Amino acid sequence: MLERILPATAAVVASSGERGVELFPEEEAALGNAVEKRRLEFVTARACAREALARLGLPAQPIPTGSRGEPIWPAGIVGSITHCAGYRACAVALAGELLTIGVDAEPDDPLPQGVIGDIALPEERRWIERAALEDPAVSWDRLLFSIKESVYKAWFPLARSWLGFEDASVAIDRGAGTFSVSLLVPGPTVGGHKLAGFAGRWLAADGLLLSAIALPAR
């Protein structure tokens, strides 16, 4: 499903169940003493990543984890990984095609009580309240959370710094399945210009909410 909201230049591999793959020592080190659930998620995500990289012509190689938990891709590759109950996915692309990718998948269920106050700006909360009344078929609060997760994943490889939920303002287009993001903190310089925001796409299907950002290199 994720491929439906990403450009054709991105190689996408997803799985609805667990998959096995032999981990490299660097990946085992990243897992440490992780509980079984975390290990299964990690291994399946790495299996998807191996296949996605193979579609770009790259051999199997370690994808270790950085200090913020981010996957460290081979030179010349950008990518993003997501996992939630019943869905694991990886999207990668050549850095000459895309500057960064951020993807996220979430169950299409409302956020737990009290969480929305931690992730949404006042204007975002007002929008969610209206959208929930007009179109309750989608968990708009969870979609906002998903989009902000995608924003962070797209931001971090470019800025190499933290970005909080409160540091980005999201506007969702319900009909077009798109969204725009305005950064509320100074962005990094990308292609000679200060990054001021992102544009992306979202999808609600099969009980899931998916969001994706892919910043073109040209």
N, C-alpha and C. Protein backbone atom coordinates (compact mmCIF):
# COMPACT_ATOMS: atom_id res chain seq x y z
N MET A 1 0.82 -1.22 0.00
CA MET A 1 0.00 0.00 0.00
C MET A 1 0.85 1.26 0.00
N LEU A 2 2.00 1.19 0.67
CA LEU A 2 2.83 2.38 0.79
C LEU A 2 3.28 2.89 -0.57
N GLU A 3 3.47 1.98 -1.51
CA GLU A 3 3.90 2.39 -2.84
C GLU A 3 2.89 3.30 -3.53
N ARG A 4 1.65 3.26 -3.07
CA ARG A 4 0.60 4.10 -3.68
C ARG A 4 0.78 5.57 -3.35
N ILE A 5 1.54 5.88 -2.33
CA ILE A 5 1.71 7.29 -1.94
C ILE A 5 3.17 7.74 -2.00
N LEU A 6 4.00 6.96 -2.68
CA LEU A 6 5.39 7.33 -2.90
C LEU A 6 5.68 7.38 -4.39
N PRO A 7 6.66 8.17 -4.81
CA PRO A 7 6.99 8.22 -6.24
C PRO A 7 7.60 6.90 -6.72
N ALA A 8 7.57 6.69 -8.02
CA ALA A 8 8.07 5.45 -8.61
C ALA A 8 9.57 5.28 -8.40
N THR A 9 10.28 6.35 -8.08
CA THR A 9 11.72 6.27 -7.84
C THR A 9 12.05 5.57 -6.52
N ALA A 10 11.06 5.39 -5.66
CA ALA A 10 11.27 4.70 -4.38
C ALA A 10 10.96 3.21 -4.54
N ALA A 11 11.85 2.39 -4.02
CA ALA A 11 11.61 0.95 -3.97
C ALA A 11 10.96 0.63 -2.63
N VAL A 12 9.78 0.03 -2.68
CA VAL A 12 9.01 -0.22 -1.47
C VAL A 12 8.76 -1.71 -1.32
N VAL A 13 9.01 -2.22 -0.13
CA VAL A 13 8.70 -3.62 0.20
C VAL A 13 7.97 -3.62 1.54
N ALA A 14 6.85 -4.33 1.58
CA ALA A 14 6.04 -4.39 2.80
C ALA A 14 5.67 -5.83 3.11
N SER A 15 5.34 -6.08 4.36
CA SER A 15 4.94 -7.41 4.79
C SER A 15 3.84 -7.28 5.84
N SER A 16 2.85 -8.14 5.75
CA SER A 16 1.78 -8.15 6.75
C SER A 16 2.06 -9.14 7.87
N GLY A 17 3.11 -9.94 7.69
CA GLY A 17 3.48 -10.90 8.72
C GLY A 17 4.97 -10.86 8.97
N GLU A 18 5.43 -11.69 9.89
CA GLU A 18 6.85 -11.70 10.22
C GLU A 18 7.65 -12.44 9.15
N ARG A 19 8.86 -11.95 8.89
CA ARG A 19 9.77 -12.57 7.93
C ARG A 19 11.11 -12.77 8.60
N GLY A 20 11.82 -13.79 8.14
CA GLY A 20 13.13 -14.08 8.72
C GLY A 20 14.26 -13.67 7.80
N VAL A 21 15.36 -13.25 8.39
CA VAL A 21 16.58 -12.95 7.65
C VAL A 21 17.74 -13.02 8.63
N GLU A 22 18.89 -13.46 8.14
CA GLU A 22 20.06 -13.52 9.01
C GLU A 22 20.61 -12.12 9.20
N LEU A 23 20.79 -11.73 10.45
CA LEU A 23 21.29 -10.40 10.77
C LEU A 23 22.81 -10.37 10.71
N PHE A 24 23.34 -9.23 10.31
CA PHE A 24 24.77 -8.99 10.38
C PHE A 24 25.14 -8.65 11.82
N PRO A 25 26.42 -8.83 12.19
CA PRO A 25 26.83 -8.53 13.57
C PRO A 25 26.46 -7.12 14.03
N GLU A 26 26.58 -6.13 13.13
CA GLU A 26 26.25 -4.76 13.49
C GLU A 26 24.76 -4.62 13.85
N GLU A 27 23.92 -5.40 13.17
CA GLU A 27 22.50 -5.35 13.44
C GLU A 27 22.17 -6.06 14.74
N GLU A 28 22.84 -7.16 14.99
CA GLU A 28 22.65 -7.86 16.26
C GLU A 28 23.05 -6.96 17.43
N ALA A 29 24.13 -6.21 17.23
CA ALA A 29 24.58 -5.30 18.28
C ALA A 29 23.54 -4.22 18.54
N ALA A 30 22.88 -3.77 17.48
CA ALA A 30 21.85 -2.73 17.63
C ALA A 30 20.66 -3.26 18.42
N LEU A 31 20.35 -4.54 18.26
CA LEU A 31 19.22 -5.14 18.98
C LEU A 31 19.52 -5.34 20.46
N GLY A 32 20.75 -5.70 20.75
CA GLY A 32 21.10 -5.93 22.15
C GLY A 32 20.22 -7.01 22.77
N ASN A 33 19.65 -6.71 23.93
CA ASN A 33 18.79 -7.65 24.64
C ASN A 33 17.31 -7.33 24.44
N ALA A 34 16.97 -6.97 23.24
CA ALA A 34 15.59 -6.58 22.93
C ALA A 34 14.63 -7.74 23.20
N VAL A 35 13.41 -7.39 23.62
CA VAL A 35 12.39 -8.41 23.86
C VAL A 35 11.97 -9.03 22.52
N GLU A 36 11.30 -10.16 22.57
CA GLU A 36 10.98 -10.91 21.36
C GLU A 36 10.15 -10.10 20.37
N LYS A 37 9.20 -9.32 20.86
CA LYS A 37 8.37 -8.52 19.96
C LYS A 37 9.23 -7.55 19.16
N ARG A 38 10.12 -6.86 19.84
CA ARG A 38 11.01 -5.91 19.19
C ARG A 38 11.92 -6.62 18.20
N ARG A 39 12.43 -7.80 18.57
CA ARG A 39 13.31 -8.55 17.67
C ARG A 39 12.57 -8.94 16.39
N LEU A 40 11.34 -9.41 16.52
CA LEU A 40 10.57 -9.80 15.33
C LEU A 40 10.33 -8.61 14.42
N GLU A 41 10.00 -7.46 15.01
CA GLU A 41 9.80 -6.25 14.21
C GLU A 41 11.08 -5.87 13.48
N PHE A 42 12.18 -5.90 14.20
CA PHE A 42 13.46 -5.50 13.64
C PHE A 42 13.87 -6.42 12.50
N VAL A 43 13.77 -7.72 12.73
CA VAL A 43 14.20 -8.69 11.71
C VAL A 43 13.34 -8.57 10.46
N THR A 44 12.03 -8.46 10.64
CA THR A 44 11.14 -8.33 9.48
C THR A 44 11.43 -7.04 8.72
N ALA A 45 11.66 -5.95 9.44
CA ALA A 45 11.98 -4.69 8.78
C ALA A 45 13.28 -4.80 8.00
N ARG A 46 14.28 -5.49 8.57
CA ARG A 46 15.55 -5.66 7.85
C ARG A 46 15.36 -6.57 6.64
N ALA A 47 14.49 -7.56 6.73
CA ALA A 47 14.21 -8.40 5.57
C ALA A 47 13.59 -7.57 4.45
N CYS A 48 12.66 -6.70 4.79
CA CYS A 48 12.06 -5.82 3.80
C CYS A 48 13.11 -4.88 3.21
N ALA A 49 13.99 -4.37 4.07
CA ALA A 49 15.03 -3.46 3.60
C ALA A 49 15.98 -4.16 2.64
N ARG A 50 16.37 -5.41 2.94
CA ARG A 50 17.26 -6.16 2.04
C ARG A 50 16.63 -6.27 0.65
N GLU A 51 15.35 -6.61 0.62
CA GLU A 51 14.68 -6.77 -0.67
C GLU A 51 14.55 -5.44 -1.39
N ALA A 52 14.24 -4.38 -0.66
CA ALA A 52 14.11 -3.07 -1.28
C ALA A 52 15.45 -2.62 -1.87
N LEU A 53 16.53 -2.81 -1.13
CA LEU A 53 17.85 -2.44 -1.64
C LEU A 53 18.23 -3.28 -2.85
N ALA A 54 17.84 -4.55 -2.84
CA ALA A 54 18.14 -5.41 -3.99
C ALA A 54 17.46 -4.89 -5.25
N ARG A 55 16.29 -4.29 -5.09
CA ARG A 55 15.59 -3.73 -6.25
C ARG A 55 16.34 -2.54 -6.84
N LEU A 56 17.20 -1.93 -6.02
CA LEU A 56 18.05 -0.85 -6.51
C LEU A 56 19.41 -1.36 -6.99
N GLY A 57 19.58 -2.68 -6.93
CA GLY A 57 20.82 -3.28 -7.41
C GLY A 57 21.90 -3.43 -6.37
N LEU A 58 21.56 -3.27 -5.09
CA LEU A 58 22.57 -3.37 -4.04
C LEU A 58 22.56 -4.76 -3.41
N PRO A 59 23.74 -5.27 -3.04
CA PRO A 59 23.81 -6.57 -2.36
C PRO A 59 23.36 -6.45 -0.91
N ALA A 60 23.12 -7.59 -0.29
CA ALA A 60 22.77 -7.60 1.13
C ALA A 60 23.93 -7.04 1.94
N GLN A 61 23.63 -6.16 2.85
CA GLN A 61 24.65 -5.53 3.69
C GLN A 61 24.00 -5.04 4.97
N PRO A 62 24.80 -4.81 6.01
CA PRO A 62 24.22 -4.41 7.29
C PRO A 62 23.56 -3.04 7.22
N ILE A 63 22.47 -2.91 7.95
CA ILE A 63 21.79 -1.63 8.14
C ILE A 63 21.75 -1.39 9.65
N PRO A 64 22.82 -0.86 10.19
CA PRO A 64 22.87 -0.64 11.64
C PRO A 64 21.96 0.49 12.07
N THR A 65 21.99 0.79 13.34
CA THR A 65 21.11 1.80 13.92
C THR A 65 21.92 2.94 14.51
N GLY A 66 21.47 4.18 14.26
CA GLY A 66 22.16 5.36 14.77
C GLY A 66 21.76 5.68 16.19
N SER A 67 22.27 6.79 16.69
CA SER A 67 22.07 7.16 18.09
C SER A 67 20.62 7.47 18.42
N ARG A 68 19.82 7.86 17.43
CA ARG A 68 18.41 8.16 17.64
C ARG A 68 17.52 7.00 17.22
N GLY A 69 18.12 5.85 16.96
CA GLY A 69 17.35 4.70 16.54
C GLY A 69 17.09 4.64 15.06
N GLU A 70 17.66 5.60 14.31
CA GLU A 70 17.42 5.65 12.87
C GLU A 70 18.26 4.61 12.13
N PRO A 71 17.74 4.04 11.04
CA PRO A 71 18.54 3.13 10.23
C PRO A 71 19.64 3.89 9.50
N ILE A 72 20.82 3.30 9.44
CA ILE A 72 21.94 3.91 8.73
C ILE A 72 22.07 3.21 7.38
N TRP A 73 21.77 3.93 6.33
CA TRP A 73 21.71 3.34 4.99
C TRP A 73 23.09 3.34 4.32
N PRO A 74 23.27 2.47 3.33
CA PRO A 74 24.53 2.50 2.56
C PRO A 74 24.72 3.86 1.90
N ALA A 75 25.97 4.18 1.58
CA ALA A 75 26.27 5.44 0.92
C ALA A 75 25.47 5.57 -0.37
N GLY A 76 24.91 6.75 -0.59
CA GLY A 76 24.15 6.99 -1.81
C GLY A 76 22.71 6.55 -1.76
N ILE A 77 22.25 6.13 -0.57
CA ILE A 77 20.88 5.64 -0.40
C ILE A 77 20.16 6.46 0.68
N VAL A 78 18.91 6.77 0.45
CA VAL A 78 18.06 7.33 1.50
C VAL A 78 16.91 6.35 1.71
N GLY A 79 16.35 6.37 2.90
CA GLY A 79 15.26 5.42 3.15
C GLY A 79 14.57 5.65 4.47
N SER A 80 13.54 4.86 4.71
CA SER A 80 12.76 4.95 5.93
C SER A 80 12.08 3.62 6.17
N ILE A 81 11.91 3.29 7.44
CA ILE A 81 11.30 2.03 7.87
C ILE A 81 10.13 2.34 8.80
N THR A 82 9.09 1.56 8.72
CA THR A 82 7.97 1.70 9.65
C THR A 82 7.43 0.33 10.01
N HIS A 83 6.87 0.23 11.18
CA HIS A 83 6.19 -1.01 11.58
C HIS A 83 5.11 -0.71 12.59
N CYS A 84 3.99 -1.40 12.44
CA CYS A 84 2.92 -1.37 13.42
C CYS A 84 2.27 -2.75 13.39
N ALA A 85 1.29 -2.98 14.20
CA ALA A 85 0.65 -4.29 14.27
C ALA A 85 0.13 -4.70 12.90
N GLY A 86 0.66 -5.80 12.37
CA GLY A 86 0.18 -6.33 11.11
C GLY A 86 0.77 -5.70 9.86
N TYR A 87 1.75 -4.82 10.03
CA TYR A 87 2.33 -4.18 8.84
C TYR A 87 3.76 -3.75 9.12
N ARG A 88 4.66 -4.14 8.22
CA ARG A 88 6.05 -3.71 8.25
C ARG A 88 6.40 -3.24 6.85
N ALA A 89 7.16 -2.17 6.72
CA ALA A 89 7.49 -1.68 5.38
C ALA A 89 8.80 -0.91 5.39
N CYS A 90 9.44 -0.90 4.23
CA CYS A 90 10.66 -0.15 4.02
C CYS A 90 10.58 0.53 2.65
N ALA A 91 11.03 1.76 2.58
CA ALA A 91 11.11 2.49 1.31
C ALA A 91 12.51 3.06 1.18
N VAL A 92 13.15 2.81 0.04
CA VAL A 92 14.50 3.33 -0.20
C VAL A 92 14.56 3.91 -1.60
N ALA A 93 15.56 4.78 -1.81
CA ALA A 93 15.76 5.38 -3.13
C ALA A 93 17.21 5.82 -3.25
N LEU A 94 17.63 6.03 -4.47
CA LEU A 94 18.96 6.59 -4.71
C LEU A 94 18.95 8.06 -4.28
N ALA A 95 20.03 8.48 -3.63
CA ALA A 95 20.12 9.86 -3.16
C ALA A 95 20.09 10.86 -4.32
N GLY A 96 20.44 10.42 -5.51
CA GLY A 96 20.35 11.29 -6.67
C GLY A 96 18.93 11.53 -7.13
N GLU A 97 18.00 10.70 -6.65
CA GLU A 97 16.59 10.84 -7.01
C GLU A 97 15.79 11.54 -5.92
N LEU A 98 16.01 11.14 -4.67
CA LEU A 98 15.31 11.72 -3.53
C LEU A 98 16.32 12.14 -2.47
N LEU A 99 16.07 13.27 -1.84
CA LEU A 99 16.97 13.77 -0.80
C LEU A 99 16.69 13.13 0.55
N THR A 100 15.43 12.79 0.79
CA THR A 100 15.06 12.14 2.05
C THR A 100 13.70 11.49 1.89
N ILE A 101 13.44 10.48 2.70
CA ILE A 101 12.15 9.79 2.73
C ILE A 101 11.73 9.66 4.19
N GLY A 102 10.46 9.86 4.45
CA GLY A 102 9.90 9.60 5.77
C GLY A 102 8.57 8.89 5.61
N VAL A 103 8.42 7.71 6.19
CA VAL A 103 7.17 6.95 6.09
C VAL A 103 6.73 6.48 7.46
N ASP A 104 5.41 6.34 7.62
CA ASP A 104 4.89 5.83 8.89
C ASP A 104 3.57 5.12 8.64
N ALA A 105 3.34 4.05 9.38
CA ALA A 105 2.08 3.30 9.34
C ALA A 105 1.54 3.17 10.75
N GLU A 106 0.24 3.36 10.89
CA GLU A 106 -0.43 3.27 12.19
C GLU A 106 -1.77 2.56 12.02
N PRO A 107 -2.26 1.92 13.07
CA PRO A 107 -3.62 1.38 13.00
C PRO A 107 -4.63 2.52 12.91
N ASP A 108 -5.69 2.33 12.16
CA ASP A 108 -6.72 3.37 12.02
C ASP A 108 -7.65 3.33 13.22
N ASP A 109 -7.09 3.65 14.37
CA ASP A 109 -7.80 3.69 15.64
C ASP A 109 -7.48 5.01 16.34
N PRO A 110 -8.41 5.53 17.15
CA PRO A 110 -8.13 6.78 17.86
C PRO A 110 -6.91 6.64 18.77
N LEU A 111 -6.22 7.74 18.98
CA LEU A 111 -5.11 7.75 19.92
C LEU A 111 -5.61 7.49 21.34
N PRO A 112 -4.78 6.96 22.20
CA PRO A 112 -5.16 6.80 23.61
C PRO A 112 -5.54 8.15 24.23
N GLN A 113 -6.40 8.10 25.22
CA GLN A 113 -6.87 9.30 25.89
C GLN A 113 -5.70 10.14 26.39
N GLY A 114 -5.74 11.43 26.08
CA GLY A 114 -4.74 12.36 26.57
C GLY A 114 -3.54 12.56 25.69
N VAL A 115 -3.34 11.71 24.68
CA VAL A 115 -2.15 11.80 23.84
C VAL A 115 -2.22 12.98 22.89
N ILE A 116 -3.41 13.31 22.40
CA ILE A 116 -3.53 14.36 21.40
C ILE A 116 -2.96 15.68 21.91
N GLY A 117 -3.10 15.96 23.19
CA GLY A 117 -2.56 17.19 23.75
C GLY A 117 -1.05 17.27 23.69
N ASP A 118 -0.40 16.11 23.60
CA ASP A 118 1.07 16.07 23.54
C ASP A 118 1.60 16.24 22.11
N ILE A 119 0.78 15.97 21.11
CA ILE A 119 1.30 15.97 19.74
C ILE A 119 0.73 17.08 18.86
N ALA A 120 -0.42 17.66 19.24
CA ALA A 120 -1.11 18.59 18.35
C ALA A 120 -1.04 20.02 18.83
N LEU A 121 -0.81 20.94 17.89
CA LEU A 121 -0.92 22.36 18.17
C LEU A 121 -2.40 22.73 18.30
N PRO A 122 -2.72 23.87 18.93
CA PRO A 122 -4.13 24.24 19.11
C PRO A 122 -4.93 24.25 17.82
N GLU A 123 -4.37 24.81 16.75
CA GLU A 123 -5.12 24.84 15.48
C GLU A 123 -5.30 23.46 14.88
N GLU A 124 -4.34 22.57 15.13
CA GLU A 124 -4.47 21.19 14.66
C GLU A 124 -5.57 20.47 15.43
N ARG A 125 -5.67 20.71 16.71
CA ARG A 125 -6.72 20.08 17.51
C ARG A 125 -8.10 20.56 17.06
N ARG A 126 -8.22 21.84 16.76
CA ARG A 126 -9.51 22.34 16.30
C ARG A 126 -9.88 21.71 14.96
N TRP A 127 -8.91 21.54 14.08
CA TRP A 127 -9.19 20.91 12.78
C TRP A 127 -9.63 19.46 12.97
N ILE A 128 -8.94 18.74 13.85
CA ILE A 128 -9.28 17.33 14.10
C ILE A 128 -10.70 17.21 14.65
N GLU A 129 -11.08 18.09 15.53
CA GLU A 129 -12.43 18.06 16.10
C GLU A 129 -13.49 18.24 15.01
N ARG A 130 -13.25 19.18 14.09
CA ARG A 130 -14.19 19.38 12.99
C ARG A 130 -14.22 18.17 12.06
N ALA A 131 -13.04 17.67 11.71
CA ALA A 131 -12.96 16.54 10.78
C ALA A 131 -13.62 15.30 11.37
N ALA A 132 -13.46 15.10 12.69
CA ALA A 132 -14.07 13.93 13.34
C ALA A 132 -15.59 13.98 13.27
N LEU A 133 -16.15 15.17 13.33
CA LEU A 133 -17.61 15.31 13.23
C LEU A 133 -18.09 15.10 11.80
N GLU A 134 -17.35 15.62 10.84
CA GLU A 134 -17.77 15.58 9.45
C GLU A 134 -17.46 14.25 8.78
N ASP A 135 -16.40 13.59 9.20
CA ASP A 135 -15.99 12.33 8.57
C ASP A 135 -15.37 11.42 9.62
N PRO A 136 -16.20 10.76 10.43
CA PRO A 136 -15.69 9.93 11.52
C PRO A 136 -15.10 8.60 11.07
N ALA A 137 -15.11 8.32 9.76
CA ALA A 137 -14.60 7.03 9.28
C ALA A 137 -13.08 6.93 9.43
N VAL A 138 -12.40 8.06 9.54
CA VAL A 138 -10.94 8.08 9.67
C VAL A 138 -10.57 8.60 11.06
N SER A 139 -9.58 7.98 11.68
CA SER A 139 -9.08 8.45 12.97
C SER A 139 -8.10 9.59 12.70
N TRP A 140 -8.62 10.80 12.63
CA TRP A 140 -7.81 11.94 12.20
C TRP A 140 -6.71 12.27 13.20
N ASP A 141 -6.95 12.01 14.47
CA ASP A 141 -5.89 12.26 15.46
C ASP A 141 -4.72 11.32 15.23
N ARG A 142 -5.01 10.07 14.94
CA ARG A 142 -3.94 9.11 14.67
C ARG A 142 -3.22 9.45 13.36
N LEU A 143 -3.97 9.94 12.38
CA LEU A 143 -3.33 10.33 11.13
C LEU A 143 -2.35 11.48 11.37
N LEU A 144 -2.74 12.45 12.18
CA LEU A 144 -1.83 13.54 12.50
C LEU A 144 -0.56 13.00 13.16
N PHE A 145 -0.72 12.08 14.08
CA PHE A 145 0.45 11.46 14.72
C PHE A 145 1.34 10.80 13.68
N SER A 146 0.74 10.05 12.75
CA SER A 146 1.51 9.37 11.71
C SER A 146 2.28 10.37 10.86
N ILE A 147 1.61 11.44 10.47
CA ILE A 147 2.28 12.45 9.63
C ILE A 147 3.46 13.06 10.37
N LYS A 148 3.30 13.37 11.65
CA LYS A 148 4.40 13.97 12.39
C LYS A 148 5.55 12.98 12.57
N GLU A 149 5.25 11.70 12.64
CA GLU A 149 6.32 10.70 12.66
C GLU A 149 7.07 10.70 11.33
N SER A 150 6.34 10.78 10.22
CA SER A 150 6.98 10.84 8.90
C SER A 150 7.81 12.11 8.76
N VAL A 151 7.31 13.20 9.30
CA VAL A 151 8.05 14.46 9.25
C VAL A 151 9.40 14.31 9.94
N TYR A 152 9.39 13.73 11.13
CA TYR A 152 10.65 13.57 11.86
C TYR A 152 11.62 12.67 11.09
N LYS A 153 11.10 11.59 10.52
CA LYS A 153 11.97 10.68 9.79
C LYS A 153 12.57 11.32 8.55
N ALA A 154 11.81 12.23 7.92
CA ALA A 154 12.34 12.95 6.75
C ALA A 154 13.30 14.05 7.18
N TRP A 155 13.03 14.68 8.32
CA TRP A 155 13.84 15.79 8.82
C TRP A 155 15.21 15.35 9.31
N PHE A 156 15.25 14.28 10.09
CA PHE A 156 16.47 13.95 10.83
C PHE A 156 17.68 13.71 9.92
N PRO A 157 17.58 12.97 8.82
CA PRO A 157 18.77 12.78 7.99
C PRO A 157 19.31 14.08 7.40
N LEU A 158 18.48 15.08 7.26
CA LEU A 158 18.90 16.37 6.71
C LEU A 158 19.47 17.29 7.78
N ALA A 159 18.81 17.31 8.95
CA ALA A 159 19.19 18.26 10.01
C ALA A 159 20.07 17.65 11.08
N ARG A 160 19.99 16.33 11.26
CA ARG A 160 20.74 15.62 12.31
C ARG A 160 20.47 16.23 13.68
N SER A 161 19.23 16.63 13.91
CA SER A 161 18.85 17.20 15.20
C SER A 161 17.40 16.83 15.50
N TRP A 162 17.03 17.01 16.76
CA TRP A 162 15.68 16.67 17.22
C TRP A 162 14.65 17.62 16.62
N LEU A 163 13.46 17.11 16.37
CA LEU A 163 12.32 17.93 15.97
C LEU A 163 11.12 17.45 16.77
N GLY A 164 10.56 18.30 17.61
CA GLY A 164 9.44 17.92 18.44
C GLY A 164 8.12 18.01 17.71
N PHE A 165 7.09 17.41 18.30
CA PHE A 165 5.75 17.49 17.71
C PHE A 165 5.30 18.94 17.56
N GLU A 166 5.73 19.77 18.49
CA GLU A 166 5.32 21.16 18.49
C GLU A 166 6.11 22.01 17.49
N ASP A 167 7.09 21.43 16.83
CA ASP A 167 7.97 22.19 15.93
C ASP A 167 7.53 22.13 14.48
N ALA A 168 6.40 21.52 14.21
CA ALA A 168 5.89 21.43 12.84
C ALA A 168 4.37 21.56 12.85
N SER A 169 3.86 22.36 11.95
CA SER A 169 2.41 22.55 11.82
C SER A 169 1.92 21.84 10.57
N VAL A 170 0.91 20.99 10.73
CA VAL A 170 0.44 20.13 9.64
C VAL A 170 -0.94 20.58 9.17
N ALA A 171 -1.10 20.66 7.86
CA ALA A 171 -2.40 20.93 7.25
C ALA A 171 -2.75 19.73 6.36
N ILE A 172 -3.87 19.08 6.66
CA ILE A 172 -4.28 17.86 5.95
C ILE A 172 -5.38 18.19 4.95
N ASP A 173 -5.22 17.73 3.72
CA ASP A 173 -6.27 17.84 2.71
C ASP A 173 -7.02 16.51 2.68
N ARG A 174 -8.24 16.51 3.20
CA ARG A 174 -8.99 15.27 3.33
C ARG A 174 -9.36 14.67 1.97
N GLY A 175 -9.73 15.50 1.03
CA GLY A 175 -10.18 15.00 -0.26
C GLY A 175 -9.07 14.53 -1.16
N ALA A 176 -7.95 15.24 -1.14
CA ALA A 176 -6.85 14.92 -2.06
C ALA A 176 -5.91 13.86 -1.52
N GLY A 177 -6.00 13.55 -0.23
CA GLY A 177 -5.08 12.58 0.34
C GLY A 177 -3.65 13.12 0.42
N THR A 178 -3.53 14.43 0.64
CA THR A 178 -2.22 15.06 0.74
C THR A 178 -2.13 15.85 2.04
N PHE A 179 -0.93 16.31 2.35
CA PHE A 179 -0.74 17.19 3.50
C PHE A 179 0.46 18.10 3.24
N SER A 180 0.48 19.21 3.94
CA SER A 180 1.63 20.11 3.88
C SER A 180 2.09 20.38 5.30
N VAL A 181 3.37 20.63 5.44
CA VAL A 181 3.99 20.81 6.75
C VAL A 181 4.79 22.10 6.75
N SER A 182 4.54 22.95 7.72
CA SER A 182 5.34 24.16 7.91
C SER A 182 6.23 23.96 9.14
N LEU A 183 7.53 24.11 8.95
CA LEU A 183 8.45 23.99 10.08
C LEU A 183 8.40 25.27 10.91
N LEU A 184 8.35 25.12 12.22
CA LEU A 184 8.28 26.26 13.13
C LEU A 184 9.62 26.55 13.77
N VAL A 185 10.64 25.85 13.33
CA VAL A 185 12.02 26.08 13.76
C VAL A 185 12.86 26.20 12.49
N PRO A 186 14.03 26.84 12.57
CA PRO A 186 14.87 26.96 11.38
C PRO A 186 15.26 25.60 10.82
N GLY A 187 15.08 25.44 9.52
CA GLY A 187 15.42 24.19 8.88
C GLY A 187 16.84 24.19 8.34
N PRO A 188 17.35 23.04 7.96
CA PRO A 188 18.70 22.96 7.39
C PRO A 188 18.71 23.54 5.97
N THR A 189 19.88 23.84 5.48
CA THR A 189 20.02 24.28 4.09
C THR A 189 20.08 23.06 3.19
N VAL A 190 19.16 23.01 2.25
CA VAL A 190 19.06 21.87 1.33
C VAL A 190 19.04 22.41 -0.09
N GLY A 191 20.01 22.01 -0.89
CA GLY A 191 20.06 22.49 -2.26
C GLY A 191 20.21 23.99 -2.37
N GLY A 192 20.91 24.59 -1.39
CA GLY A 192 21.14 26.01 -1.41
C GLY A 192 20.02 26.84 -0.83
N HIS A 193 18.97 26.20 -0.31
CA HIS A 193 17.83 26.92 0.24
C HIS A 193 17.50 26.39 1.63
N LYS A 194 17.04 27.26 2.50
CA LYS A 194 16.60 26.83 3.83
C LYS A 194 15.31 26.02 3.70
N LEU A 195 15.30 24.85 4.29
CA LEU A 195 14.10 24.01 4.26
C LEU A 195 13.04 24.62 5.17
N ALA A 196 11.88 24.92 4.59
CA ALA A 196 10.80 25.55 5.36
C ALA A 196 9.66 24.60 5.66
N GLY A 197 9.63 23.46 5.00
CA GLY A 197 8.53 22.52 5.23
C GLY A 197 8.61 21.33 4.29
N PHE A 198 7.56 20.54 4.34
CA PHE A 198 7.47 19.34 3.51
C PHE A 198 6.08 19.25 2.91
N ALA A 199 5.97 18.47 1.86
CA ALA A 199 4.68 18.06 1.31
C ALA A 199 4.65 16.55 1.28
N GLY A 200 3.47 15.97 1.49
CA GLY A 200 3.39 14.52 1.50
C GLY A 200 2.01 14.02 1.15
N ARG A 201 1.85 12.71 1.21
CA ARG A 201 0.58 12.08 0.88
C ARG A 201 0.20 11.10 1.99
N TRP A 202 -1.09 10.85 2.13
CA TRP A 202 -1.57 9.91 3.13
C TRP A 202 -2.63 8.99 2.53
N LEU A 203 -2.84 7.88 3.23
CA LEU A 203 -3.79 6.88 2.74
C LEU A 203 -4.41 6.16 3.92
N ALA A 204 -5.72 5.95 3.85
CA ALA A 204 -6.44 5.11 4.82
C ALA A 204 -6.96 3.90 4.07
N ALA A 205 -6.50 2.70 4.44
CA ALA A 205 -6.91 1.49 3.73
C ALA A 205 -6.63 0.27 4.61
N ASP A 206 -7.53 -0.70 4.53
CA ASP A 206 -7.35 -1.99 5.21
C ASP A 206 -7.04 -1.83 6.69
N GLY A 207 -7.70 -0.88 7.34
CA GLY A 207 -7.52 -0.70 8.77
C GLY A 207 -6.23 0.00 9.16
N LEU A 208 -5.52 0.57 8.18
CA LEU A 208 -4.26 1.25 8.45
C LEU A 208 -4.31 2.69 7.98
N LEU A 209 -3.48 3.51 8.59
CA LEU A 209 -3.23 4.87 8.15
C LEU A 209 -1.76 4.95 7.78
N LEU A 210 -1.48 5.42 6.57
CA LEU A 210 -0.11 5.53 6.12
C LEU A 210 0.17 6.95 5.67
N SER A 211 1.37 7.42 5.96
CA SER A 211 1.79 8.75 5.51
C SER A 211 3.19 8.64 4.94
N ALA A 212 3.50 9.52 3.99
CA ALA A 212 4.80 9.45 3.33
C ALA A 212 5.23 10.82 2.85
N ILE A 213 6.52 11.08 3.02
CA ILE A 213 7.19 12.27 2.50
C ILE A 213 8.36 11.81 1.65
N ALA A 214 8.49 12.37 0.45
CA ALA A 214 9.62 12.07 -0.42
C ALA A 214 10.05 13.38 -1.06
N LEU A 215 11.21 13.88 -0.65
CA LEU A 215 11.70 15.17 -1.12
C LEU A 215 12.56 14.95 -2.35
N PRO A 216 12.13 15.44 -3.52
CA PRO A 216 12.89 15.20 -4.76
C PRO A 216 14.25 15.86 -4.71
N ALA A 217 15.21 15.24 -5.37
CA ALA A 217 16.56 15.80 -5.43
C ALA A 217 16.66 16.90 -6.46
N ARG A 218 15.70 16.95 -7.38
CA ARG A 218 15.72 17.98 -8.43
C ARG A 218 14.47 18.80 -8.33
